[in-house]
Amino acid sequence: AVGDVDAGTKKAQTDVKLKVKIGGTLGDKLGTGNIDKQSVSAVFRRRSGAIRHCYEKRLKVVSELNGKLRVMFTIGPAGRITNIVVQSNTTGDSALASCITSRIKEWPFPRPKGGAVTFVRTIVLTKG
C-alpha cells in the first residue's frame, strides 16, 4: 500500500500542466520555391507533440523555463529541411533549442515547386 502512495506522489510531481504555443504566422517566404504556407503550418500543428516533449524534458532540469525561439529553416526540393538556424532564443536554454531544431529537421514537409523555400517560425513556450 505504501508503494502505491509513493507512485501516485511521483506522478503528480512530474505531471506539469504546460501550454505550448506555436506562433501564428510563418512570415514571408524567401527563396525561389513556391509552397503553400498553410501546409507548412499544418506540419507544425501535427508535430507539436515533439516540441512539447523537448520542453517537458528541459523543465525537469530548469523548472522556470519559458520564452520564445525564432527558428529560420529552409525546405529543400525533396520536402526535407536542408538548413535550420535559431535566430533568437529568449529561454536562454541552448539544450532546449537544440532539441527542438533537431526534431523539426526530421519532419517531412510538402515539396516546394521551383526550388528551396525559407521561413522564420516563432515558437512560444510557457507553462500554464
N, C-alpha and C. Protein backbone atom coordinates (compact mmCIF):
# COMPACT_ATOMS: atom_id res chain seq x y z
N ALA A 1 0.83 -1.20 0.00
CA ALA A 1 0.00 0.00 0.00
C ALA A 1 0.87 1.26 0.00
N VAL A 2 1.96 1.21 0.76
CA VAL A 2 2.84 2.38 0.81
C VAL A 2 3.45 2.65 -0.57
N GLY A 3 3.83 1.60 -1.29
CA GLY A 3 4.38 1.75 -2.64
C GLY A 3 3.42 2.46 -3.57
N ASP A 4 2.12 2.16 -3.44
CA ASP A 4 1.12 2.80 -4.30
C ASP A 4 1.05 4.30 -4.03
N VAL A 5 1.13 4.68 -2.77
CA VAL A 5 1.07 6.10 -2.41
C VAL A 5 2.27 6.83 -2.99
N ASP A 6 3.46 6.24 -2.86
CA ASP A 6 4.67 6.88 -3.40
C ASP A 6 4.58 7.06 -4.91
N ALA A 7 4.10 6.04 -5.61
CA ALA A 7 3.98 6.11 -7.07
C ALA A 7 3.04 7.24 -7.47
N GLY A 8 1.94 7.38 -6.74
CA GLY A 8 0.98 8.45 -7.03
C GLY A 8 1.58 9.82 -6.81
N THR A 9 2.37 9.96 -5.76
CA THR A 9 3.01 11.23 -5.45
C THR A 9 4.01 11.60 -6.54
N LYS A 10 4.82 10.65 -6.98
CA LYS A 10 5.81 10.92 -8.02
C LYS A 10 5.13 11.34 -9.32
N LYS A 11 4.03 10.68 -9.67
CA LYS A 11 3.32 11.02 -10.90
C LYS A 11 2.78 12.44 -10.83
N ALA A 12 2.24 12.82 -9.68
CA ALA A 12 1.69 14.16 -9.52
C ALA A 12 2.78 15.22 -9.69
N GLN A 13 3.99 14.93 -9.23
CA GLN A 13 5.06 15.91 -9.35
C GLN A 13 5.54 16.08 -10.79
N THR A 14 5.52 15.01 -11.58
CA THR A 14 6.01 15.12 -12.95
C THR A 14 4.91 15.56 -13.92
N ASP A 15 3.68 15.52 -13.52
CA ASP A 15 2.56 15.92 -14.38
C ASP A 15 2.37 17.44 -14.32
N VAL A 16 3.23 18.17 -14.99
CA VAL A 16 3.15 19.62 -15.01
C VAL A 16 2.24 20.02 -16.17
N LYS A 17 1.33 20.94 -15.91
CA LYS A 17 0.47 21.42 -17.00
C LYS A 17 1.27 22.42 -17.82
N LEU A 18 1.35 22.16 -19.09
CA LEU A 18 2.11 23.02 -19.99
C LEU A 18 1.22 23.58 -21.07
N LYS A 19 1.59 24.77 -21.48
CA LYS A 19 0.93 25.38 -22.61
C LYS A 19 2.03 25.64 -23.63
N VAL A 20 2.01 24.97 -24.74
CA VAL A 20 3.00 25.19 -25.78
C VAL A 20 2.27 25.84 -26.94
N LYS A 21 2.67 27.07 -27.23
CA LYS A 21 2.02 27.79 -28.32
C LYS A 21 3.03 28.00 -29.43
N ILE A 22 2.64 27.68 -30.63
CA ILE A 22 3.50 27.89 -31.79
C ILE A 22 2.97 29.11 -32.54
N GLY A 23 3.86 30.05 -32.80
CA GLY A 23 3.50 31.33 -33.42
C GLY A 23 2.50 31.23 -34.56
N GLY A 24 1.65 32.22 -34.68
CA GLY A 24 0.55 32.18 -35.62
C GLY A 24 0.91 32.19 -37.09
N THR A 25 1.93 32.95 -37.49
CA THR A 25 2.25 33.03 -38.91
C THR A 25 3.69 32.64 -39.16
N LEU A 26 3.94 32.21 -40.36
CA LEU A 26 5.30 31.84 -40.76
C LEU A 26 6.10 33.06 -41.18
N GLY A 27 5.48 34.13 -41.50
CA GLY A 27 6.21 35.26 -42.05
C GLY A 27 6.42 35.04 -43.54
N ASP A 28 7.09 35.98 -44.19
CA ASP A 28 7.29 35.90 -45.63
C ASP A 28 8.28 34.80 -45.97
N LYS A 29 8.04 34.17 -47.10
CA LYS A 29 8.97 33.13 -47.55
C LYS A 29 10.11 33.80 -48.32
N LEU A 30 11.25 33.16 -48.26
CA LEU A 30 12.40 33.59 -49.04
C LEU A 30 12.80 32.43 -49.93
N GLY A 31 13.44 32.72 -51.03
CA GLY A 31 13.90 31.66 -51.92
C GLY A 31 13.10 31.60 -53.20
N THR A 32 13.53 30.71 -54.09
CA THR A 32 12.94 30.63 -55.43
C THR A 32 11.72 29.72 -55.47
N GLY A 33 11.57 28.87 -54.46
CA GLY A 33 10.49 27.89 -54.47
C GLY A 33 9.14 28.47 -54.11
N ASN A 34 8.12 27.66 -54.36
CA ASN A 34 6.76 28.06 -54.02
C ASN A 34 6.12 26.91 -53.24
N ILE A 35 5.50 27.25 -52.11
CA ILE A 35 4.89 26.24 -51.26
C ILE A 35 3.71 26.87 -50.53
N ASP A 36 2.71 26.10 -50.26
CA ASP A 36 1.54 26.59 -49.53
C ASP A 36 1.90 26.75 -48.05
N LYS A 37 1.83 27.99 -47.57
CA LYS A 37 2.17 28.27 -46.17
C LYS A 37 1.29 27.49 -45.20
N GLN A 38 0.02 27.30 -45.57
CA GLN A 38 -0.90 26.57 -44.69
C GLN A 38 -0.44 25.13 -44.48
N SER A 39 0.09 24.52 -45.54
CA SER A 39 0.54 23.13 -45.41
C SER A 39 1.78 23.03 -44.53
N VAL A 40 2.64 24.06 -44.56
CA VAL A 40 3.81 24.08 -43.68
C VAL A 40 3.36 24.27 -42.23
N SER A 41 2.40 25.16 -42.01
CA SER A 41 1.85 25.37 -40.67
C SER A 41 1.19 24.10 -40.14
N ALA A 42 0.53 23.36 -41.04
CA ALA A 42 -0.14 22.12 -40.65
C ALA A 42 0.87 21.08 -40.13
N VAL A 43 2.05 21.04 -40.72
CA VAL A 43 3.10 20.12 -40.24
C VAL A 43 3.47 20.49 -38.81
N PHE A 44 3.63 21.78 -38.53
CA PHE A 44 3.95 22.21 -37.17
C PHE A 44 2.84 21.83 -36.19
N ARG A 45 1.59 22.01 -36.61
CA ARG A 45 0.48 21.65 -35.72
C ARG A 45 0.46 20.16 -35.43
N ARG A 46 0.61 19.36 -36.49
CA ARG A 46 0.60 17.89 -36.32
C ARG A 46 1.76 17.40 -35.47
N ARG A 47 2.88 18.05 -35.57
CA ARG A 47 4.10 17.59 -34.90
C ARG A 47 4.40 18.34 -33.61
N SER A 48 3.48 19.14 -33.13
CA SER A 48 3.76 19.96 -31.94
C SER A 48 4.07 19.13 -30.70
N GLY A 49 3.66 17.86 -30.69
CA GLY A 49 3.99 16.98 -29.57
C GLY A 49 5.48 16.81 -29.39
N ALA A 50 6.24 16.86 -30.48
CA ALA A 50 7.70 16.73 -30.39
C ALA A 50 8.30 17.95 -29.70
N ILE A 51 7.75 19.13 -29.99
CA ILE A 51 8.22 20.35 -29.33
C ILE A 51 7.84 20.30 -27.85
N ARG A 52 6.63 19.86 -27.57
CA ARG A 52 6.17 19.70 -26.18
C ARG A 52 7.10 18.74 -25.42
N HIS A 53 7.48 17.65 -26.06
CA HIS A 53 8.36 16.67 -25.42
C HIS A 53 9.70 17.31 -25.03
N CYS A 54 10.29 18.08 -25.94
CA CYS A 54 11.56 18.77 -25.65
C CYS A 54 11.39 19.71 -24.46
N TYR A 55 10.30 20.45 -24.47
CA TYR A 55 10.03 21.43 -23.40
C TYR A 55 9.85 20.72 -22.06
N GLU A 56 9.05 19.66 -22.04
CA GLU A 56 8.83 18.92 -20.79
C GLU A 56 10.13 18.34 -20.25
N LYS A 57 10.96 17.83 -21.15
CA LYS A 57 12.24 17.24 -20.74
C LYS A 57 13.14 18.28 -20.08
N ARG A 58 13.20 19.47 -20.66
CA ARG A 58 14.06 20.54 -20.11
C ARG A 58 13.47 21.14 -18.84
N LEU A 59 12.14 21.14 -18.70
CA LEU A 59 11.52 21.67 -17.48
C LEU A 59 11.90 20.85 -16.25
N LYS A 60 12.24 19.58 -16.44
CA LYS A 60 12.67 18.75 -15.32
C LYS A 60 14.02 19.21 -14.79
N VAL A 61 14.80 19.89 -15.64
CA VAL A 61 16.12 20.40 -15.27
C VAL A 61 16.03 21.87 -14.84
N VAL A 62 15.28 22.66 -15.62
CA VAL A 62 15.13 24.09 -15.36
C VAL A 62 13.65 24.37 -15.18
N SER A 63 13.19 24.40 -13.93
CA SER A 63 11.74 24.41 -13.66
C SER A 63 11.03 25.69 -14.10
N GLU A 64 11.72 26.80 -14.18
CA GLU A 64 11.06 28.06 -14.57
C GLU A 64 11.35 28.46 -16.01
N LEU A 65 11.55 27.48 -16.86
CA LEU A 65 11.91 27.72 -18.25
C LEU A 65 10.71 28.20 -19.07
N ASN A 66 10.88 29.31 -19.77
CA ASN A 66 9.86 29.79 -20.71
C ASN A 66 10.49 30.81 -21.64
N GLY A 67 9.80 31.14 -22.70
CA GLY A 67 10.30 32.14 -23.63
C GLY A 67 9.94 31.81 -25.06
N LYS A 68 10.68 32.45 -25.98
CA LYS A 68 10.41 32.30 -27.41
C LYS A 68 11.67 31.86 -28.15
N LEU A 69 11.45 31.01 -29.13
CA LEU A 69 12.50 30.64 -30.08
C LEU A 69 12.08 31.16 -31.45
N ARG A 70 12.99 31.81 -32.13
CA ARG A 70 12.77 32.18 -33.54
C ARG A 70 13.69 31.30 -34.36
N VAL A 71 13.08 30.48 -35.19
CA VAL A 71 13.83 29.49 -35.96
C VAL A 71 13.68 29.78 -37.45
N MET A 72 14.81 29.89 -38.14
CA MET A 72 14.78 30.05 -39.59
C MET A 72 15.15 28.70 -40.20
N PHE A 73 14.30 28.22 -41.11
CA PHE A 73 14.56 26.91 -41.71
C PHE A 73 14.28 26.93 -43.20
N THR A 74 15.03 26.11 -43.92
CA THR A 74 14.89 26.01 -45.37
C THR A 74 14.37 24.62 -45.72
N ILE A 75 13.30 24.59 -46.50
CA ILE A 75 12.75 23.34 -47.00
C ILE A 75 13.28 23.16 -48.42
N GLY A 76 14.04 22.08 -48.61
CA GLY A 76 14.63 21.80 -49.92
C GLY A 76 13.62 21.19 -50.88
N PRO A 77 14.04 20.99 -52.13
CA PRO A 77 13.15 20.46 -53.17
C PRO A 77 12.52 19.10 -52.83
N ALA A 78 13.18 18.32 -51.97
CA ALA A 78 12.65 16.99 -51.61
C ALA A 78 11.67 17.05 -50.44
N GLY A 79 11.41 18.27 -49.92
CA GLY A 79 10.49 18.40 -48.79
C GLY A 79 11.16 18.14 -47.45
N ARG A 80 12.48 18.19 -47.41
CA ARG A 80 13.23 17.98 -46.18
C ARG A 80 13.93 19.28 -45.79
N ILE A 81 14.17 19.45 -44.51
CA ILE A 81 14.90 20.63 -44.03
C ILE A 81 16.36 20.50 -44.46
N THR A 82 16.85 21.50 -45.18
CA THR A 82 18.25 21.49 -45.60
C THR A 82 19.11 22.39 -44.72
N ASN A 83 18.49 23.33 -44.01
CA ASN A 83 19.21 24.21 -43.11
C ASN A 83 18.25 24.72 -42.05
N ILE A 84 18.72 24.76 -40.80
CA ILE A 84 17.89 25.31 -39.73
C ILE A 84 18.80 26.04 -38.74
N VAL A 85 18.39 27.26 -38.38
CA VAL A 85 19.18 28.13 -37.51
C VAL A 85 18.27 28.78 -36.49
N VAL A 86 18.72 28.84 -35.24
CA VAL A 86 17.98 29.57 -34.21
C VAL A 86 18.41 31.03 -34.31
N GLN A 87 17.47 31.91 -34.67
CA GLN A 87 17.78 33.33 -34.81
C GLN A 87 17.80 34.03 -33.46
N SER A 88 16.89 33.61 -32.57
CA SER A 88 16.88 34.17 -31.22
C SER A 88 16.27 33.14 -30.27
N ASN A 89 16.69 33.22 -29.02
CA ASN A 89 16.25 32.26 -28.01
C ASN A 89 16.14 32.98 -26.68
N THR A 90 14.94 33.45 -26.33
CA THR A 90 14.78 34.17 -25.06
C THR A 90 14.65 33.23 -23.87
N THR A 91 14.59 31.91 -24.12
CA THR A 91 14.55 30.96 -23.00
C THR A 91 15.91 30.88 -22.33
N GLY A 92 16.97 31.20 -23.07
CA GLY A 92 18.32 31.11 -22.54
C GLY A 92 18.81 29.67 -22.40
N ASP A 93 18.05 28.71 -22.91
CA ASP A 93 18.40 27.30 -22.75
C ASP A 93 18.79 26.72 -24.11
N SER A 94 20.10 26.56 -24.33
CA SER A 94 20.57 26.06 -25.62
C SER A 94 20.20 24.60 -25.84
N ALA A 95 20.09 23.81 -24.76
CA ALA A 95 19.71 22.40 -24.90
C ALA A 95 18.27 22.29 -25.42
N LEU A 96 17.39 23.18 -24.97
CA LEU A 96 16.00 23.20 -25.45
C LEU A 96 15.98 23.54 -26.94
N ALA A 97 16.71 24.58 -27.33
CA ALA A 97 16.76 24.99 -28.73
C ALA A 97 17.31 23.87 -29.60
N SER A 98 18.34 23.20 -29.13
CA SER A 98 18.95 22.10 -29.88
C SER A 98 17.97 20.95 -30.06
N CYS A 99 17.24 20.60 -29.01
CA CYS A 99 16.26 19.52 -29.06
C CYS A 99 15.17 19.85 -30.09
N ILE A 100 14.64 21.06 -30.02
CA ILE A 100 13.55 21.46 -30.92
C ILE A 100 14.02 21.49 -32.37
N THR A 101 15.19 22.08 -32.64
CA THR A 101 15.66 22.15 -34.02
C THR A 101 15.99 20.76 -34.58
N SER A 102 16.50 19.87 -33.74
CA SER A 102 16.79 18.52 -34.25
C SER A 102 15.50 17.78 -34.57
N ARG A 103 14.43 18.03 -33.83
CA ARG A 103 13.13 17.42 -34.13
C ARG A 103 12.56 17.96 -35.44
N ILE A 104 12.55 19.30 -35.57
CA ILE A 104 12.00 19.93 -36.78
C ILE A 104 12.74 19.43 -38.02
N LYS A 105 14.05 19.26 -37.90
CA LYS A 105 14.87 18.84 -39.03
C LYS A 105 14.45 17.46 -39.56
N GLU A 106 13.84 16.64 -38.70
CA GLU A 106 13.42 15.29 -39.10
C GLU A 106 12.07 15.26 -39.82
N TRP A 107 11.29 16.33 -39.70
CA TRP A 107 9.93 16.31 -40.22
C TRP A 107 9.90 16.38 -41.74
N PRO A 108 9.01 15.60 -42.37
CA PRO A 108 8.80 15.74 -43.81
C PRO A 108 7.80 16.88 -44.08
N PHE A 109 8.15 17.73 -45.01
CA PHE A 109 7.29 18.83 -45.41
C PHE A 109 6.84 18.61 -46.86
N PRO A 110 5.80 19.32 -47.30
CA PRO A 110 5.43 19.25 -48.71
C PRO A 110 6.63 19.71 -49.57
N ARG A 111 6.72 19.18 -50.76
CA ARG A 111 7.81 19.57 -51.65
C ARG A 111 7.51 20.92 -52.30
N PRO A 112 8.40 21.88 -52.14
CA PRO A 112 8.18 23.16 -52.82
C PRO A 112 8.42 23.01 -54.32
N LYS A 113 7.68 23.80 -55.08
CA LYS A 113 7.85 23.79 -56.54
C LYS A 113 8.86 24.87 -56.92
N GLY A 114 9.79 24.53 -57.77
CA GLY A 114 10.71 25.54 -58.30
C GLY A 114 11.92 25.86 -57.44
N GLY A 115 12.20 25.10 -56.41
CA GLY A 115 13.40 25.36 -55.60
C GLY A 115 13.10 25.40 -54.11
N ALA A 116 14.13 25.73 -53.35
CA ALA A 116 14.03 25.74 -51.89
C ALA A 116 13.26 26.96 -51.40
N VAL A 117 12.69 26.84 -50.19
CA VAL A 117 11.93 27.91 -49.56
C VAL A 117 12.40 28.04 -48.11
N THR A 118 12.57 29.29 -47.66
CA THR A 118 13.00 29.55 -46.29
C THR A 118 11.92 30.32 -45.55
N PHE A 119 11.65 29.90 -44.32
CA PHE A 119 10.68 30.58 -43.46
C PHE A 119 11.31 30.86 -42.10
N VAL A 120 10.69 31.79 -41.36
CA VAL A 120 11.03 32.01 -39.97
C VAL A 120 9.79 31.69 -39.16
N ARG A 121 9.95 30.89 -38.12
CA ARG A 121 8.83 30.47 -37.28
C ARG A 121 9.13 30.84 -35.83
N THR A 122 8.17 31.43 -35.14
CA THR A 122 8.32 31.73 -33.73
C THR A 122 7.60 30.66 -32.92
N ILE A 123 8.29 30.13 -31.94
CA ILE A 123 7.71 29.12 -31.05
C ILE A 123 7.72 29.70 -29.65
N VAL A 124 6.53 29.86 -29.07
CA VAL A 124 6.38 30.43 -27.74
C VAL A 124 6.16 29.30 -26.76
N LEU A 125 6.96 29.24 -25.70
CA LEU A 125 6.88 28.18 -24.70
C LEU A 125 6.57 28.78 -23.33
N THR A 126 5.40 28.42 -22.79
CA THR A 126 5.02 28.88 -21.46
C THR A 126 4.36 27.76 -20.70
N LYS A 127 4.56 27.77 -19.39
CA LYS A 127 3.80 26.86 -18.52
C LYS A 127 2.49 27.56 -18.19
N GLY A 128 1.40 26.80 -18.12
CA GLY A 128 0.15 27.49 -17.82
C GLY A 128 -0.92 26.56 -17.34
